[in-house]
Amino acid sequence: MASPLKAELLTGVDFIVVRELTGGIYFGEKKRGKDSASDLCVYQTYEVERIVRVAARIARERKRKLCSVDKANVLETSRLWRDVATRIVASEFPDVALEHMLVDAAAMHLLARPRDFDVIVTENMFGDILTDEASMLAGSLGMLPSASLGDSTRGLYEPIHGSAPDIAGRNIANPCGTIASTALLLRHSLGLTEEAELVEAALHRVIADGARTADIARSADRVLSTSAMTARILEQIG
């Protein structure tokens, strides 16, 4: 079975996080005893090769900068990750500049200098944490789209947040992450790059013009409902 990736594009901050989804500590053997517990983190070489290739292809289409995030100073799985990433990029993507960064440093630099990043590739748990952290750069989890992809053009496109049953039916949810997810669908599954750029440009214009849903509004802002925000974006798409 093809190992998928998760590419999360942060609206308002121009970088992409590519996260390996089916390996790592979340899927390793788990044990619980009376006074102890353990979770096993395992990565196979082919899993790292596949995700690094996908990230490098995305980087090649952008600024040709790839940052591989790991914890190679203490974790053996991260040492494997770093070795494989170095080999794949050097042999198959010599035109892509590869930087290695420890995950704790990456967490700091994402907040201090986010525009220095272009494409980030990392393992499952690190990616899970870093993408939620980075969502605050865009103001809210409601701003972030994601694509869960395999080796084919098929994918699952959705905002990164959950279903939020506490606000269901109140017309206050931020629709930007959902709409931006359609841009990822247009680009990655349908090959409609111009159409994807049209959707993304509409989102950026609406936000730049001051349109705000409750989750990203300041006290002085006029708050729009979900439907009103959606209508503003659709008007920009034209």
Protein backbone atom coordinates (compact mmCIF):
# COMPACT_ATOMS: atom_id res chain seq x y z
CA MET A 1 0.00 0.00 0.00
CA ALA A 2 1.34 3.42 -0.92
CA SER A 3 2.43 5.52 2.03
CA PRO A 4 0.56 8.83 1.88
CA LEU A 5 1.75 12.29 2.73
CA LYS A 6 0.06 15.29 4.15
CA ALA A 7 0.82 18.63 2.54
CA GLU A 8 -0.52 21.54 4.52
CA LEU A 9 -0.45 24.91 2.83
CA LEU A 10 -0.68 27.80 5.26
CA THR A 11 -2.84 30.61 3.87
CA GLY A 12 -1.08 33.90 4.51
CA VAL A 13 2.29 32.26 5.16
CA ASP A 14 3.96 30.96 2.03
CA PHE A 15 5.36 27.58 2.98
CA ILE A 16 4.21 23.97 2.82
CA VAL A 17 4.62 21.22 5.38
CA VAL A 18 4.84 17.70 3.95
CA ARG A 19 4.15 15.15 6.68
CA GLU A 20 4.50 11.37 6.50
CA LEU A 21 1.19 9.96 7.73
CA THR A 22 1.37 6.19 8.20
CA GLY A 23 4.58 5.54 10.13
CA GLY A 24 6.29 6.68 13.29
CA ILE A 25 5.30 6.52 16.91
CA TYR A 26 1.56 6.81 16.29
CA PHE A 27 1.54 3.43 14.53
CA GLY A 28 4.25 1.59 16.45
CA GLU A 29 3.70 -1.15 19.01
CA LYS A 30 2.14 0.14 22.22
CA LYS A 31 2.48 -1.41 25.67
CA ARG A 32 1.00 -0.49 29.04
CA GLY A 33 2.05 -2.11 32.31
CA LYS A 34 1.22 -1.41 35.92
CA ASP A 35 3.97 1.16 36.34
CA SER A 36 5.20 1.81 32.83
CA ALA A 37 4.16 2.37 29.23
CA SER A 38 5.93 2.46 25.88
CA ASP A 39 5.27 3.52 22.30
CA LEU A 40 7.58 2.22 19.59
CA CYS A 41 8.68 4.57 16.80
CA VAL A 42 9.64 2.72 13.60
CA TYR A 43 10.47 3.98 10.12
CA GLN A 44 11.41 1.96 7.06
CA THR A 45 13.82 3.34 4.46
CA TYR A 46 11.23 3.16 1.69
CA GLU A 47 8.79 5.29 3.72
CA VAL A 48 11.34 8.06 4.09
CA GLU A 49 12.41 7.79 0.45
CA ARG A 50 8.84 8.18 -0.80
CA ILE A 51 7.96 11.21 1.30
CA VAL A 52 11.26 12.98 0.63
CA ARG A 53 10.79 12.50 -3.12
CA VAL A 54 7.33 14.03 -2.98
CA ALA A 55 8.55 16.98 -0.92
CA ALA A 56 11.52 17.54 -3.22
CA ARG A 57 9.24 17.56 -6.28
CA ILE A 58 7.08 20.21 -4.65
CA ALA A 59 10.19 22.21 -3.70
CA ARG A 60 11.46 21.98 -7.28
CA GLU A 61 8.27 23.67 -8.49
CA ARG A 62 8.61 26.46 -5.92
CA LYS A 63 11.83 28.06 -4.60
CA ARG A 64 13.92 24.86 -4.66
CA LYS A 65 14.45 24.98 -0.91
CA LEU A 66 13.72 21.93 1.23
CA CYS A 67 14.04 21.75 5.02
CA SER A 68 14.05 18.27 6.54
CA VAL A 69 13.06 18.31 10.21
CA ASP A 70 14.17 15.55 12.59
CA LYS A 71 15.70 14.91 16.02
CA ALA A 72 18.89 13.24 14.82
CA ASN A 73 20.89 14.26 17.88
CA VAL A 74 19.02 11.73 20.03
CA LEU A 75 16.72 9.50 17.92
CA GLU A 76 17.90 6.61 15.74
CA THR A 77 14.82 6.89 13.52
CA SER A 78 15.78 10.51 12.88
CA ARG A 79 19.33 9.51 11.99
CA LEU A 80 17.90 7.12 9.41
CA TRP A 81 15.57 9.89 8.21
CA ARG A 82 18.48 12.33 7.81
CA ASP A 83 20.70 9.83 6.00
CA VAL A 84 17.96 8.87 3.55
CA ALA A 85 16.90 12.48 2.92
CA THR A 86 20.49 13.48 2.22
CA ARG A 87 20.99 10.61 -0.22
CA ILE A 88 17.73 11.08 -2.12
CA VAL A 89 18.10 14.83 -2.59
CA ALA A 90 21.77 14.63 -3.56
CA SER A 91 21.25 11.84 -6.10
CA GLU A 92 17.83 12.70 -7.54
CA PHE A 93 17.29 16.40 -6.85
CA PRO A 94 20.69 18.12 -7.06
CA ASP A 95 18.97 21.38 -8.01
CA VAL A 96 17.12 21.48 -4.65
CA ALA A 97 18.92 23.00 -1.65
CA LEU A 98 18.48 20.72 1.37
CA GLU A 99 18.72 21.95 4.96
CA HIS A 100 18.46 19.72 8.03
CA MET A 101 16.96 21.17 11.20
CA LEU A 102 16.23 19.70 14.62
CA VAL A 103 12.55 19.82 15.48
CA ASP A 104 12.98 22.04 18.55
CA ALA A 105 14.92 24.57 16.48
CA ALA A 106 12.29 24.35 13.74
CA ALA A 107 9.54 25.11 16.27
CA MET A 108 11.41 28.27 17.28
CA HIS A 109 12.30 29.40 13.77
CA LEU A 110 8.77 28.88 12.45
CA LEU A 111 7.69 31.69 14.75
CA ALA A 112 10.81 33.84 14.51
CA ARG A 113 11.42 33.71 10.74
CA PRO A 114 8.60 31.85 8.95
CA ARG A 115 9.29 33.41 5.56
CA ASP A 116 12.70 31.72 5.44
CA PHE A 117 10.95 28.38 4.90
CA ASP A 118 9.57 27.10 1.60
CA VAL A 119 8.91 23.34 1.84
CA ILE A 120 9.32 21.41 5.09
CA VAL A 121 9.34 17.61 5.18
CA THR A 122 9.09 15.70 8.42
CA GLU A 123 7.82 12.59 10.15
CA ASN A 124 4.34 12.00 11.50
CA MET A 125 4.40 13.29 15.08
CA PHE A 126 6.71 16.24 14.39
CA GLY A 127 4.51 17.32 11.50
CA ASP A 128 1.37 16.99 13.61
CA ILE A 129 2.78 19.37 16.21
CA LEU A 130 4.49 21.86 13.87
CA THR A 131 1.46 22.39 11.64
CA ASP A 132 -0.77 23.26 14.58
CA GLU A 133 1.89 25.65 15.85
CA ALA A 134 2.26 27.23 12.43
CA SER A 135 -1.49 27.72 12.12
CA MET A 136 -1.19 30.56 14.60
CA LEU A 137 0.92 32.45 12.08
CA ALA A 138 -2.16 32.58 9.87
CA GLY A 139 -4.35 33.43 12.86
CA SER A 140 -6.46 30.30 13.25
CA LEU A 141 -6.75 26.60 12.49
CA GLY A 142 -9.69 27.63 10.34
CA MET A 143 -7.32 29.13 7.79
CA LEU A 144 -5.38 25.98 6.94
CA PRO A 145 -6.17 23.52 4.12
CA SER A 146 -4.59 20.10 3.73
CA ALA A 147 -4.23 17.32 1.18
CA SER A 148 -3.71 13.67 2.06
CA LEU A 149 -2.16 12.10 -1.02
CA GLY A 150 -0.69 8.82 -2.20
CA ASP A 151 1.29 7.95 -5.32
CA SER A 152 -1.63 8.64 -7.67
CA THR A 153 -3.51 11.86 -8.36
CA ARG A 154 -6.31 10.89 -6.00
CA GLY A 155 -6.44 12.60 -2.62
CA LEU A 156 -8.49 13.60 0.39
CA TYR A 157 -8.82 17.37 0.77
CA GLU A 158 -9.97 19.01 3.98
CA PRO A 159 -9.16 21.80 6.42
CA ILE A 160 -6.82 20.66 9.19
CA HIS A 161 -9.28 21.31 12.01
CA GLY A 162 -11.92 18.89 13.30
CA SER A 163 -15.67 18.98 12.89
CA ALA A 164 -16.18 21.48 15.75
CA PRO A 165 -19.60 20.22 16.91
CA ASP A 166 -19.72 22.97 19.53
CA ILE A 167 -20.34 25.57 16.79
CA ALA A 168 -22.35 23.42 14.39
CA GLY A 169 -25.31 25.24 12.86
CA ARG A 170 -24.32 28.67 14.20
CA ASN A 171 -22.92 30.04 10.91
CA ILE A 172 -19.74 31.27 12.59
CA ALA A 173 -17.09 28.79 11.31
CA ASN A 174 -14.22 30.06 9.20
CA PRO A 175 -14.68 28.72 5.62
CA CYS A 176 -11.19 29.70 4.41
CA GLY A 177 -9.51 26.37 5.14
CA THR A 178 -12.24 24.47 3.35
CA ILE A 179 -12.17 26.76 0.31
CA ALA A 180 -8.38 26.69 0.20
CA SER A 181 -8.55 22.87 0.25
CA THR A 182 -10.39 23.04 -3.08
CA ALA A 183 -7.40 24.93 -4.47
CA LEU A 184 -5.17 22.03 -3.45
CA LEU A 185 -7.62 19.64 -5.13
CA LEU A 186 -7.52 21.69 -8.33
CA ARG A 187 -3.72 21.75 -8.33
CA HIS A 188 -2.75 18.27 -7.19
CA SER A 189 -5.58 16.02 -8.40
CA LEU A 190 -6.97 17.85 -11.43
CA GLY A 191 -3.85 19.62 -12.71
CA LEU A 192 -5.74 22.95 -12.90
CA THR A 193 -2.98 25.25 -11.71
CA GLU A 194 -4.48 28.50 -13.01
CA GLU A 195 -7.82 27.76 -11.38
CA ALA A 196 -6.08 26.91 -8.09
CA GLU A 197 -4.21 30.20 -8.20
CA LEU A 198 -7.49 32.03 -8.84
CA VAL A 199 -9.04 30.56 -5.69
CA GLU A 200 -5.95 31.32 -3.60
CA ALA A 201 -5.73 34.88 -4.92
CA ALA A 202 -9.38 35.46 -4.04
CA LEU A 203 -8.76 34.27 -0.49
CA HIS A 204 -5.75 36.53 -0.10
CA ARG A 205 -7.62 39.56 -1.44
CA VAL A 206 -10.58 39.08 0.87
CA ILE A 207 -8.34 38.70 3.93
CA ALA A 208 -6.20 41.68 2.86
CA ASP A 209 -9.35 43.77 2.49
CA GLY A 210 -10.18 43.15 6.14
CA ALA A 211 -12.86 40.45 5.95
CA ARG A 212 -12.88 38.49 9.21
CA THR A 213 -14.75 35.61 10.78
CA ALA A 214 -14.95 35.45 14.57
CA ASP A 215 -11.84 33.28 15.02
CA ILE A 216 -9.51 35.80 13.35
CA ALA A 217 -11.30 39.04 14.28
CA ARG A 218 -9.98 41.71 16.61
CA SER A 219 -12.31 43.69 18.82
CA ALA A 220 -12.63 46.55 16.32
CA ASP A 221 -13.27 44.31 13.28
CA ARG A 222 -16.65 43.73 11.71
CA VAL A 223 -17.27 39.99 12.08
CA LEU A 224 -18.70 38.11 9.11
CA SER A 225 -20.70 34.91 9.26
CA THR A 226 -19.59 31.76 7.46
CA SER A 227 -21.99 32.40 4.60
CA ALA A 228 -21.05 36.09 4.30
CA MET A 229 -17.33 35.28 4.22
CA THR A 230 -17.93 32.62 1.60
CA ALA A 231 -19.93 35.06 -0.52
CA ARG A 232 -17.09 37.61 -0.36
CA ILE A 233 -14.59 35.01 -1.59
CA LEU A 234 -16.88 33.83 -4.38
CA GLU A 235 -17.31 37.41 -5.55
CA GLN A 236 -13.53 37.71 -5.88
CA ILE A 237 -13.32 34.49 -7.85
CA GLY A 238 -15.93 36.02 -10.14
